[in-house]
């Protein structure tokens, strides 16, 4: 004999899957933001070093 359909269980499974997908997407977006921030923070450091070299040695 087959089991009766448990709609609450099916809904709970769908909600868990939806939440897991949403959290995964959020994590990916946060990682992308951190990666862009790291690139942005690294880029000005190299530009400042080049600017200092262009002006020659520092005067003491």
PDB file of N, CA and C in Angstrom:
ATOM      1  N   UNK A   1       0.843  -1.175   0.000  1.00  0.00           N
ATOM      2  CA  UNK A   1       0.000   0.000   0.000  1.00  0.00           C
ATOM      3  C   UNK A   1       0.894   1.245   0.000  1.00  0.00           C
ATOM      4  N   UNK A   2       0.575   2.216  -0.822  1.00  0.00           N
ATOM      5  CA  UNK A   2       1.354   3.436  -0.959  1.00  0.00           C
ATOM      6  C   UNK A   2       1.062   4.393   0.195  1.00  0.00           C
ATOM      7  N   UNK A   3       2.022   5.228   0.479  1.00  0.00           N
ATOM      8  CA  UNK A   3       1.829   6.203   1.541  1.00  0.00           C
ATOM      9  C   UNK A   3       0.951   7.345   1.052  1.00  0.00           C
ATOM     10  N   UNK A   4       0.278   7.956   1.990  1.00  0.00           N
ATOM     11  CA  UNK A   4      -0.499   9.143   1.701  1.00  0.00           C
ATOM     12  C   UNK A   4       0.464  10.301   1.419  1.00  0.00           C
ATOM     13  N   UNK A   5       0.089  11.192   0.550  1.00  0.00           N
ATOM     14  CA  UNK A   5       0.938  12.332   0.206  1.00  0.00           C
ATOM     15  C   UNK A   5       0.999  13.270   1.403  1.00  0.00           C
ATOM     16  N   UNK A   6       2.233  13.662   1.770  1.00  0.00           N
ATOM     17  CA  UNK A   6       2.428  14.580   2.889  1.00  0.00           C
ATOM     18  C   UNK A   6       2.837  15.933   2.318  1.00  0.00           C
ATOM     19  N   UNK A   7       1.849  16.784   2.103  1.00  0.00           N
ATOM     20  CA  UNK A   7       2.098  18.069   1.468  1.00  0.00           C
ATOM     21  C   UNK A   7       2.965  18.981   2.331  1.00  0.00           C
ATOM     22  N   UNK A   8       2.813  18.897   3.643  1.00  0.00           N
ATOM     23  CA  UNK A   8       3.645  19.732   4.522  1.00  0.00           C
ATOM     24  C   UNK A   8       5.117  19.349   4.397  1.00  0.00           C
ATOM     25  N   UNK A   9       5.392  18.052   4.306  1.00  0.00           N
ATOM     26  CA  UNK A   9       6.769  17.608   4.155  1.00  0.00           C
ATOM     27  C   UNK A   9       7.333  18.060   2.814  1.00  0.00           C
ATOM     28  N   UNK A  10       6.543  17.958   1.763  1.00  0.00           N
ATOM     29  CA  UNK A  10       6.996  18.396   0.444  1.00  0.00           C
ATOM     30  C   UNK A  10       7.278  19.893   0.445  1.00  0.00           C
ATOM     31  N   UNK A  11       6.393  20.661   1.089  1.00  0.00           N
ATOM     32  CA  UNK A  11       6.590  22.106   1.156  1.00  0.00           C
ATOM     33  C   UNK A  11       7.853  22.427   1.946  1.00  0.00           C
ATOM     34  N   UNK A  12       8.071  21.721   3.050  1.00  0.00           N
ATOM     35  CA  UNK A  12       9.265  21.944   3.864  1.00  0.00           C
ATOM     36  C   UNK A  12      10.529  21.646   3.070  1.00  0.00           C
ATOM     37  N   UNK A  13      10.518  20.565   2.285  1.00  0.00           N
ATOM     38  CA  UNK A  13      11.677  20.231   1.441  1.00  0.00           C
ATOM     39  C   UNK A  13      11.926  21.315   0.396  1.00  0.00           C
ATOM     40  N   UNK A  14      10.857  21.808  -0.214  1.00  0.00           N
ATOM     41  CA  UNK A  14      11.022  22.886  -1.206  1.00  0.00           C
ATOM     42  C   UNK A  14      11.579  24.143  -0.547  1.00  0.00           C
ATOM     43  N   UNK A  15      11.058  24.460   0.647  1.00  0.00           N
ATOM     44  CA  UNK A  15      11.545  25.649   1.348  1.00  0.00           C
ATOM     45  C   UNK A  15      13.004  25.503   1.756  1.00  0.00           C
ATOM     46  N   UNK A  16      13.406  24.307   2.193  1.00  0.00           N
ATOM     47  CA  UNK A  16      14.817  24.082   2.542  1.00  0.00           C
ATOM     48  C   UNK A  16      15.708  24.242   1.315  1.00  0.00           C
ATOM     49  N   UNK A  17      15.273  23.699   0.191  1.00  0.00           N
ATOM     50  CA  UNK A  17      16.060  23.812  -1.038  1.00  0.00           C
ATOM     51  C   UNK A  17      16.165  25.267  -1.477  1.00  0.00           C
ATOM     52  N   UNK A  18      15.059  25.986  -1.368  1.00  0.00           N
ATOM     53  CA  UNK A  18      15.050  27.392  -1.758  1.00  0.00           C
ATOM     54  C   UNK A  18      15.970  28.203  -0.857  1.00  0.00           C
ATOM     55  N   UNK A  19      15.926  27.934   0.443  1.00  0.00           N
ATOM     56  CA  UNK A  19      16.779  28.647   1.389  1.00  0.00           C
ATOM     57  C   UNK A  19      18.253  28.333   1.145  1.00  0.00           C
ATOM     58  N   UNK A  20      18.568  27.069   0.866  1.00  0.00           N
ATOM     59  CA  UNK A  20      19.957  26.689   0.599  1.00  0.00           C
ATOM     60  C   UNK A  20      20.472  27.394  -0.655  1.00  0.00           C
ATOM     61  N   UNK A  21      19.635  27.469  -1.680  1.00  0.00           N
ATOM     62  CA  UNK A  21      20.029  28.147  -2.915  1.00  0.00           C
ATOM     63  C   UNK A  21      20.233  29.636  -2.662  1.00  0.00           C
ATOM     64  N   UNK A  22      19.351  30.224  -1.883  1.00  0.00           N
ATOM     65  CA  UNK A  22      19.453  31.651  -1.569  1.00  0.00           C
ATOM     66  C   UNK A  22      20.730  31.942  -0.776  1.00  0.00           C
ATOM     67  N   UNK A  23      21.050  31.087   0.216  1.00  0.00           N
ATOM     68  CA  UNK A  23      22.256  31.281   1.016  1.00  0.00           C
ATOM     69  C   UNK A  23      23.513  31.090   0.179  1.00  0.00           C
ATOM     70  N   UNK A  24      23.500  30.140  -0.739  1.00  0.00           N
ATOM     71  CA  UNK A  24      24.653  29.921  -1.607  1.00  0.00           C
ATOM     72  C   UNK A  24      24.884  31.138  -2.498  1.00  0.00           C
ATOM     73  N   UNK A  25      23.808  31.683  -3.029  1.00  0.00           N
ATOM     74  CA  UNK A  25      23.921  32.868  -3.877  1.00  0.00           C
ATOM     75  C   UNK A  25      24.452  34.051  -3.065  1.00  0.00           C
ATOM     76  N   UNK A  26      23.971  34.199  -1.830  1.00  0.00           N
ATOM     77  CA  UNK A  26      24.441  35.276  -0.962  1.00  0.00           C
ATOM     78  C   UNK A  26      25.926  35.128  -0.669  1.00  0.00           C
ATOM     79  N   UNK A  27      26.378  33.897  -0.373  1.00  0.00           N
ATOM     80  CA  UNK A  27      27.805  33.656  -0.118  1.00  0.00           C
ATOM     81  C   UNK A  27      28.645  34.022  -1.342  1.00  0.00           C
ATOM     82  N   UNK A  28      28.180  33.628  -2.532  1.00  0.00           N
ATOM     83  CA  UNK A  28      28.921  33.952  -3.757  1.00  0.00           C
ATOM     84  C   UNK A  28      29.010  35.455  -3.947  1.00  0.00           C
ATOM     85  N   UNK A  29      27.918  36.169  -3.676  1.00  0.00           N
ATOM     86  CA  UNK A  29      27.937  37.619  -3.824  1.00  0.00           C
ATOM     87  C   UNK A  29      28.892  38.252  -2.820  1.00  0.00           C
ATOM     88  N   UNK A  30      28.896  37.766  -1.584  1.00  0.00           N
ATOM     89  CA  UNK A  30      29.806  38.310  -0.573  1.00  0.00           C
ATOM     90  C   UNK A  30      31.261  38.039  -0.945  1.00  0.00           C
ATOM     91  N   UNK A  31      31.550  36.844  -1.463  1.00  0.00           N
ATOM     92  CA  UNK A  31      32.905  36.525  -1.895  1.00  0.00           C
ATOM     93  C   UNK A  31      33.329  37.431  -3.045  1.00  0.00           C
ATOM     94  N   UNK A  32      32.405  37.709  -3.963  1.00  0.00           N
ATOM     95  CA  UNK A  32      32.704  38.590  -5.088  1.00  0.00           C
ATOM     96  C   UNK A  32      32.995  39.999  -4.584  1.00  0.00           C
ATOM     97  N   UNK A  33      32.223  40.477  -3.613  1.00  0.00           N
ATOM     98  CA  UNK A  33      32.453  41.800  -3.045  1.00  0.00           C
ATOM     99  C   UNK A  33      33.826  41.860  -2.382  1.00  0.00           C
ATOM    100  N   UNK A  34      34.155  40.827  -1.607  1.00  0.00           N
ATOM    101  CA  UNK A  34      35.464  40.799  -0.939  1.00  0.00           C
ATOM    102  C   UNK A  34      36.599  40.768  -1.961  1.00  0.00           C
ATOM    103  N   UNK A  35      36.413  40.005  -3.050  1.00  0.00           N
ATOM    104  CA  UNK A  35      37.439  39.936  -4.085  1.00  0.00           C
ATOM    105  C   UNK A  35      37.632  41.304  -4.743  1.00  0.00           C
ATOM    106  N   UNK A  36      36.516  41.980  -5.050  1.00  0.00           N
ATOM    107  CA  UNK A  36      36.627  43.302  -5.674  1.00  0.00           C
ATOM    108  C   UNK A  36      37.266  44.306  -4.730  1.00  0.00           C
ATOM    109  N   UNK A  37      36.916  44.242  -3.430  1.00  0.00           N
ATOM    110  CA  UNK A  37      37.520  45.148  -2.453  1.00  0.00           C
ATOM    111  C   UNK A  37      39.013  44.900  -2.342  1.00  0.00           C
ATOM    112  N   UNK A  38      39.420  43.632  -2.349  1.00  0.00           N
ATOM    113  CA  UNK A  38      40.835  43.299  -2.267  1.00  0.00           C
ATOM    114  C   UNK A  38      41.582  43.830  -3.484  1.00  0.00           C
ATOM    115  N   UNK A  39      40.983  43.676  -4.659  1.00  0.00           N
ATOM    116  CA  UNK A  39      41.621  44.195  -5.877  1.00  0.00           C
ATOM    117  C   UNK A  39      41.711  45.714  -5.817  1.00  0.00           C
ATOM    118  N   UNK A  40      40.649  46.354  -5.347  1.00  0.00           N
ATOM    119  CA  UNK A  40      40.636  47.811  -5.269  1.00  0.00           C
ATOM    120  C   UNK A  40      41.669  48.303  -4.264  1.00  0.00           C
ATOM    121  N   UNK A  41      41.782  47.624  -3.130  1.00  0.00           N
ATOM    122  CA  UNK A  41      42.745  48.030  -2.114  1.00  0.00           C
ATOM    123  C   UNK A  41      44.175  47.778  -2.570  1.00  0.00           C
ATOM    124  N   UNK A  42      44.396  46.736  -3.341  1.00  0.00           N
ATOM    125  CA  UNK A  42      45.742  46.412  -3.813  1.00  0.00           C
ATOM    126  C   UNK A  42      46.171  47.366  -4.920  1.00  0.00           C
ATOM    127  N   UNK A  43      45.262  47.798  -5.738  1.00  0.00           N
ATOM    128  CA  UNK A  43      45.595  48.651  -6.878  1.00  0.00           C
ATOM    129  C   UNK A  43      46.163  50.006  -6.435  1.00  0.00           C
ATOM    130  N   UNK A  44      45.577  50.742  -5.507  1.00  0.00           N
ATOM    131  CA  UNK A  44      46.152  52.033  -5.120  1.00  0.00           C
ATOM    132  C   UNK A  44      47.532  51.905  -4.484  1.00  0.00           C
ATOM    133  N   UNK A  45      47.818  50.817  -3.788  1.00  0.00           N
ATOM    134  CA  UNK A  45      49.130  50.646  -3.178  1.00  0.00           C
ATOM    135  C   UNK A  45      50.215  50.634  -4.243  1.00  0.00           C
ATOM    136  N   UNK A  46      49.972  49.958  -5.349  1.00  0.00           N
ATOM    137  CA  UNK A  46      50.966  49.910  -6.405  1.00  0.00           C
ATOM    138  C   UNK A  46      51.072  51.261  -7.095  1.00  0.00           C
ATOM    139  N   UNK A  47      49.979  51.982  -7.201  1.00  0.00           N
ATOM    140  CA  UNK A  47      50.023  53.299  -7.834  1.00  0.00           C
ATOM    141  C   UNK A  47      50.815  54.276  -6.976  1.00  0.00           C
ATOM    142  N   UNK A  48      50.651  54.208  -5.658  1.00  0.00           N
ATOM    143  CA  UNK A  48      51.399  55.106  -4.776  1.00  0.00           C
ATOM    144  C   UNK A  48      52.891  54.818  -4.867  1.00  0.00           C
ATOM    145  N   UNK A  49      53.264  53.565  -4.970  1.00  0.00           N
ATOM    146  CA  UNK A  49      54.673  53.213  -5.065  1.00  0.00           C
ATOM    147  C   UNK A  49      55.266  53.771  -6.355  1.00  0.00           C
ATOM    148  N   UNK A  50      54.513  53.704  -7.433  1.00  0.00           N
ATOM    149  CA  UNK A  50      54.990  54.233  -8.712  1.00  0.00           C
ATOM    150  C   UNK A  50      55.118  55.745  -8.623  1.00  0.00           C
ATOM    151  N   UNK A  51      54.170  56.418  -8.015  1.00  0.00           N
ATOM    152  CA  UNK A  51      54.225  57.861  -7.889  1.00  0.00           C
ATOM    153  C   UNK A  51      55.431  58.302  -7.076  1.00  0.00           C
ATOM    154  N   UNK A  52      55.731  57.574  -5.996  1.00  0.00           N
ATOM    155  CA  UNK A  52      56.893  57.924  -5.183  1.00  0.00           C
ATOM    156  C   UNK A  52      58.182  57.759  -5.990  1.00  0.00           C
ATOM    157  N   UNK A  53      58.263  56.719  -6.813  1.00  0.00           N
ATOM    158  CA  UNK A  53      59.448  56.488  -7.613  1.00  0.00           C
ATOM    159  C   UNK A  53      59.602  57.552  -8.705  1.00  0.00           C
ATOM    160  N   UNK A  54      58.502  58.063  -9.215  1.00  0.00           N
ATOM    161  CA  UNK A  54      58.567  59.054 -10.274  1.00  0.00           C
ATOM    162  C   UNK A  54      59.175  60.362  -9.790  1.00  0.00           C
ATOM    163  N   UNK A  55      58.979  60.680  -8.494  1.00  0.00           N
ATOM    164  CA  UNK A  55      59.471  61.930  -7.957  1.00  0.00           C
ATOM    165  C   UNK A  55      60.920  61.857  -7.516  1.00  0.00           C
ATOM    166  N   UNK A  56      61.527  60.715  -7.652  1.00  0.00           N
ATOM    167  CA  UNK A  56      62.923  60.558  -7.296  1.00  0.00           C
ATOM    168  C   UNK A  56      63.084  60.249  -5.825  1.00  0.00           C
ATOM    169  N   UNK A  57      64.310  60.200  -5.343  1.00  0.00           N
ATOM    170  CA  UNK A  57      64.550  59.866  -3.931  1.00  0.00           C
ATOM    171  C   UNK A  57      64.014  60.958  -3.000  1.00  0.00           C
ATOM    172  N   UNK A  58      63.607  60.553  -1.847  1.00  0.00           N
ATOM    173  CA  UNK A  58      63.065  61.499  -0.875  1.00  0.00           C
ATOM    174  C   UNK A  58      64.188  62.358  -0.312  1.00  0.00           C
ATOM    175  N   UNK A  59      63.866  63.608  -0.098  1.00  0.00           N
ATOM    176  CA  UNK A  59      64.844  64.553   0.452  1.00  0.00           C
ATOM    177  C   UNK A  59      64.824  64.444   1.971  1.00  0.00           C
ATOM    178  N   UNK A  60      65.996  64.343   2.578  1.00  0.00           N
ATOM    179  CA  UNK A  60      66.057  64.210   4.037  1.00  0.00           C
ATOM    180  C   UNK A  60      66.298  65.544   4.698  1.00  0.00           C
TER     181      UNK A  60
END
